[in-house]
Amino acid sequence: MADPDLNLALSARAGDADAFGQLVERHQPMLAAILHRFAKSNADLEDMVQDSFIKTWNALPDWEPRQPFVHWLKRIAVRTGLEYCRKQKRSPIEYLEILPESSAPEDQDPANAALEEARVLLSKLPADDQALLTLIHLHGMSMEEAAGHFGWSRAKAKVKAFRARKSLQKTLSQLGYRYE
């Protein structure tokens, strides 16, 4: 399948700011959707989207046209979001909006309570592991897609996901849950 962004990206890489502007217009909503999970305010979201595009512009000479431009752009956005979380000493899972905050625990049904427990458990993992498991299990991405967001090989993503799951299993067993 041909990359629909190829001609614009090649023009932008050659210094055409108008071509890059078209790419920004085309992909800004997608980047905002990815990065809203990392942002704690609209201002932070706007900053991260802008930072992602600035990083993309500056890194265009390094982009390999044989990979789809949008995959490369998503990878830059995820890295920008993770950098933001590290700088803020925050966990990306806090911003995932898995479920709305409830005013009282008795208001939660069992499914929502389980998701809240999952949120708490995931928050104990390193930011990369949290984001990886979230992309795979909550957003339904394949291992290859999730690995691409981080710039990792499929094997590295698979190993990191395995280790993150093992860490969660250990935590659950320490809390008295049996996991098989």
Protein backbone atom coordinates (compact mmCIF):
# COMPACT_ATOMS: atom_id res chain seq x y z
CA MET A 1 0.00 0.00 0.00
CA ALA A 2 1.39 3.37 -0.99
CA ASP A 3 2.04 5.95 1.70
CA PRO A 4 -0.48 8.78 1.16
CA ASP A 5 1.90 11.19 2.90
CA LEU A 6 4.99 10.25 0.90
CA ASN A 7 5.06 13.17 -1.54
CA LEU A 8 4.28 15.77 1.13
CA ALA A 9 6.85 14.28 3.51
CA LEU A 10 9.53 14.21 0.82
CA SER A 11 8.79 17.84 -0.05
CA ALA A 12 8.88 18.80 3.62
CA ARG A 13 12.17 16.96 4.03
CA ALA A 14 13.53 19.07 1.17
CA GLY A 15 12.56 22.19 3.14
CA ASP A 16 9.03 22.91 1.87
CA ALA A 17 7.28 24.43 4.90
CA ASP A 18 3.90 24.50 3.09
CA ALA A 19 4.05 20.74 2.54
CA PHE A 20 4.84 20.25 6.21
CA GLY A 21 1.92 22.53 7.08
CA GLN A 22 -0.38 20.23 5.12
CA LEU A 23 0.97 17.24 7.05
CA VAL A 24 0.34 19.10 10.31
CA GLU A 25 -3.26 19.86 9.29
CA ARG A 26 -3.82 16.27 8.22
CA HIS A 27 -2.38 14.62 11.34
CA GLN A 28 -2.99 17.10 14.15
CA PRO A 29 -6.29 15.45 15.26
CA MET A 30 -4.64 12.02 15.36
CA LEU A 31 -1.72 13.30 17.44
CA ALA A 32 -4.10 15.04 19.82
CA ALA A 33 -6.00 11.75 20.25
CA ILE A 34 -2.77 9.91 21.07
CA LEU A 35 -1.37 12.57 23.37
CA HIS A 36 -4.52 13.41 25.34
CA ARG A 37 -3.80 10.30 27.42
CA PHE A 38 -0.60 11.89 28.63
CA ALA A 39 -1.87 15.44 29.18
CA LYS A 40 -3.36 16.79 32.37
CA SER A 41 -4.72 19.94 30.72
CA ASN A 42 -5.59 21.28 27.29
CA ALA A 43 -2.56 23.58 27.45
CA ASP A 44 -0.28 20.58 28.08
CA LEU A 45 -1.94 18.73 25.21
CA GLU A 46 -1.37 21.64 22.84
CA ASP A 47 2.26 21.89 23.96
CA MET A 48 2.86 18.17 23.40
CA VAL A 49 1.25 18.23 19.95
CA GLN A 50 3.35 21.25 19.00
CA ASP A 51 6.51 19.66 20.44
CA SER A 52 5.80 16.50 18.45
CA PHE A 53 5.56 18.43 15.20
CA ILE A 54 8.68 20.48 16.00
CA LYS A 55 10.61 17.27 16.70
CA THR A 56 9.25 15.80 13.48
CA TRP A 57 10.35 18.84 11.43
CA ASN A 58 13.81 18.75 12.99
CA ALA A 59 14.17 15.01 12.44
CA LEU A 60 12.86 14.93 8.85
CA PRO A 61 16.38 14.44 7.43
CA ASP A 62 16.55 11.17 9.42
CA TRP A 63 13.16 9.85 8.24
CA GLU A 64 13.39 6.78 6.02
CA PRO A 65 10.80 6.98 3.19
CA ARG A 66 10.46 3.19 3.13
CA GLN A 67 8.50 3.38 6.41
CA PRO A 68 5.10 5.10 6.40
CA PHE A 69 5.38 8.69 7.54
CA VAL A 70 2.38 8.38 9.87
CA HIS A 71 3.98 5.48 11.79
CA TRP A 72 7.12 7.52 12.31
CA LEU A 73 5.04 10.52 13.40
CA LYS A 74 3.07 8.40 15.92
CA ARG A 75 6.32 7.06 17.34
CA ILE A 76 7.59 10.61 17.87
CA ALA A 77 4.29 11.55 19.55
CA VAL A 78 4.36 8.59 21.97
CA ARG A 79 7.95 9.38 22.90
CA THR A 80 7.00 13.02 23.45
CA GLY A 81 4.15 11.95 25.73
CA LEU A 82 6.41 9.64 27.72
CA GLU A 83 9.05 12.38 28.05
CA TYR A 84 6.35 14.71 29.34
CA CYS A 85 5.30 12.14 31.96
CA ARG A 86 8.89 11.66 33.07
CA LYS A 87 9.43 15.41 33.38
CA GLN A 88 6.22 15.76 35.36
CA LYS A 89 7.04 12.62 37.38
CA ARG A 90 3.61 11.40 36.43
CA SER A 91 2.30 8.09 35.28
CA PRO A 92 0.64 7.97 31.85
CA ILE A 93 -1.99 5.65 33.27
CA GLU A 94 -3.37 8.55 35.32
CA TYR A 95 -4.46 10.21 32.10
CA LEU A 96 -5.91 7.24 30.27
CA GLU A 97 -9.50 7.98 31.23
CA ILE A 98 -10.17 4.27 31.50
CA LEU A 99 -13.23 5.12 33.54
CA PRO A 100 -14.74 8.23 35.01
CA GLU A 101 -13.82 9.09 38.55
CA SER A 102 -16.56 8.07 40.96
CA SER A 103 -17.51 10.19 43.93
CA ALA A 104 -17.94 7.18 46.21
CA PRO A 105 -16.71 3.56 46.02
CA GLU A 106 -20.23 2.19 46.52
CA ASP A 107 -21.27 3.96 43.30
CA GLN A 108 -19.00 1.68 41.29
CA ASP A 109 -20.21 -1.56 39.83
CA PRO A 110 -17.86 -4.56 40.10
CA ALA A 111 -16.51 -4.11 36.56
CA ASN A 112 -15.58 -0.49 37.21
CA ALA A 113 -14.04 -1.43 40.54
CA ALA A 114 -11.90 -4.03 38.77
CA LEU A 115 -10.78 -1.45 36.21
CA GLU A 116 -9.88 0.94 39.02
CA GLU A 117 -7.77 -1.80 40.62
CA ALA A 118 -6.10 -2.40 37.26
CA ARG A 119 -5.34 1.32 37.02
CA VAL A 120 -3.70 1.26 40.45
CA LEU A 121 -1.66 -1.85 39.64
CA LEU A 122 -0.51 -0.46 36.29
CA SER A 123 0.57 2.77 37.96
CA LYS A 124 3.23 0.79 39.84
CA LEU A 125 4.98 -0.15 36.57
CA PRO A 126 7.55 2.01 34.75
CA ALA A 127 5.98 4.46 32.29
CA ASP A 128 7.12 2.54 29.19
CA ASP A 129 5.61 -0.70 30.51
CA GLN A 130 2.35 1.03 31.42
CA ALA A 131 2.04 2.56 27.98
CA LEU A 132 2.96 -0.71 26.24
CA LEU A 133 0.38 -2.80 28.12
CA THR A 134 -2.22 -0.09 27.65
CA LEU A 135 -1.66 0.04 23.89
CA ILE A 136 -1.85 -3.76 23.61
CA HIS A 137 -4.62 -4.64 26.04
CA LEU A 138 -6.83 -1.56 26.26
CA HIS A 139 -6.44 -0.20 22.74
CA GLY A 140 -6.18 -3.56 20.98
CA MET A 141 -2.94 -2.90 19.13
CA SER A 142 -0.88 -5.78 17.83
CA MET A 143 2.57 -6.32 19.27
CA GLU A 144 4.06 -4.99 16.02
CA GLU A 145 1.99 -1.81 16.13
CA ALA A 146 2.80 -1.16 19.78
CA ALA A 147 6.50 -1.81 19.16
CA GLY A 148 6.41 0.65 16.27
CA HIS A 149 5.11 3.40 18.56
CA PHE A 150 8.22 3.05 20.70
CA GLY A 151 10.69 2.43 17.90
CA TRP A 152 11.37 -1.06 19.27
CA SER A 153 11.62 -4.38 17.54
CA ARG A 154 8.69 -6.78 17.95
CA ALA A 155 10.94 -9.03 20.05
CA LYS A 156 11.83 -6.24 22.48
CA ALA A 157 8.17 -5.26 22.88
CA LYS A 158 7.21 -8.89 23.45
CA VAL A 159 9.88 -9.32 26.14
CA LYS A 160 8.96 -6.04 27.85
CA ALA A 161 5.25 -6.95 27.80
CA PHE A 162 6.04 -10.41 29.22
CA ARG A 163 8.14 -8.94 32.02
CA ALA A 164 5.52 -6.29 32.79
CA ARG A 165 2.82 -8.97 33.02
CA LYS A 166 5.05 -11.05 35.29
CA SER A 167 5.56 -8.04 37.51
CA LEU A 168 1.79 -7.56 37.70
CA GLN A 169 1.32 -11.25 38.51
CA LYS A 170 3.85 -10.99 41.33
CA THR A 171 2.08 -7.95 42.75
CA LEU A 172 -1.28 -9.72 42.53
CA SER A 173 0.05 -12.81 44.28
CA GLN A 174 1.48 -10.62 47.06
CA LEU A 175 -2.01 -9.18 47.48
CA GLY A 176 -3.44 -12.69 47.82
CA TYR A 177 -4.80 -13.18 44.32
CA ARG A 178 -4.12 -16.42 42.49
CA TYR A 179 -3.11 -16.04 38.88
CA GLU A 180 -2.81 -18.99 36.55
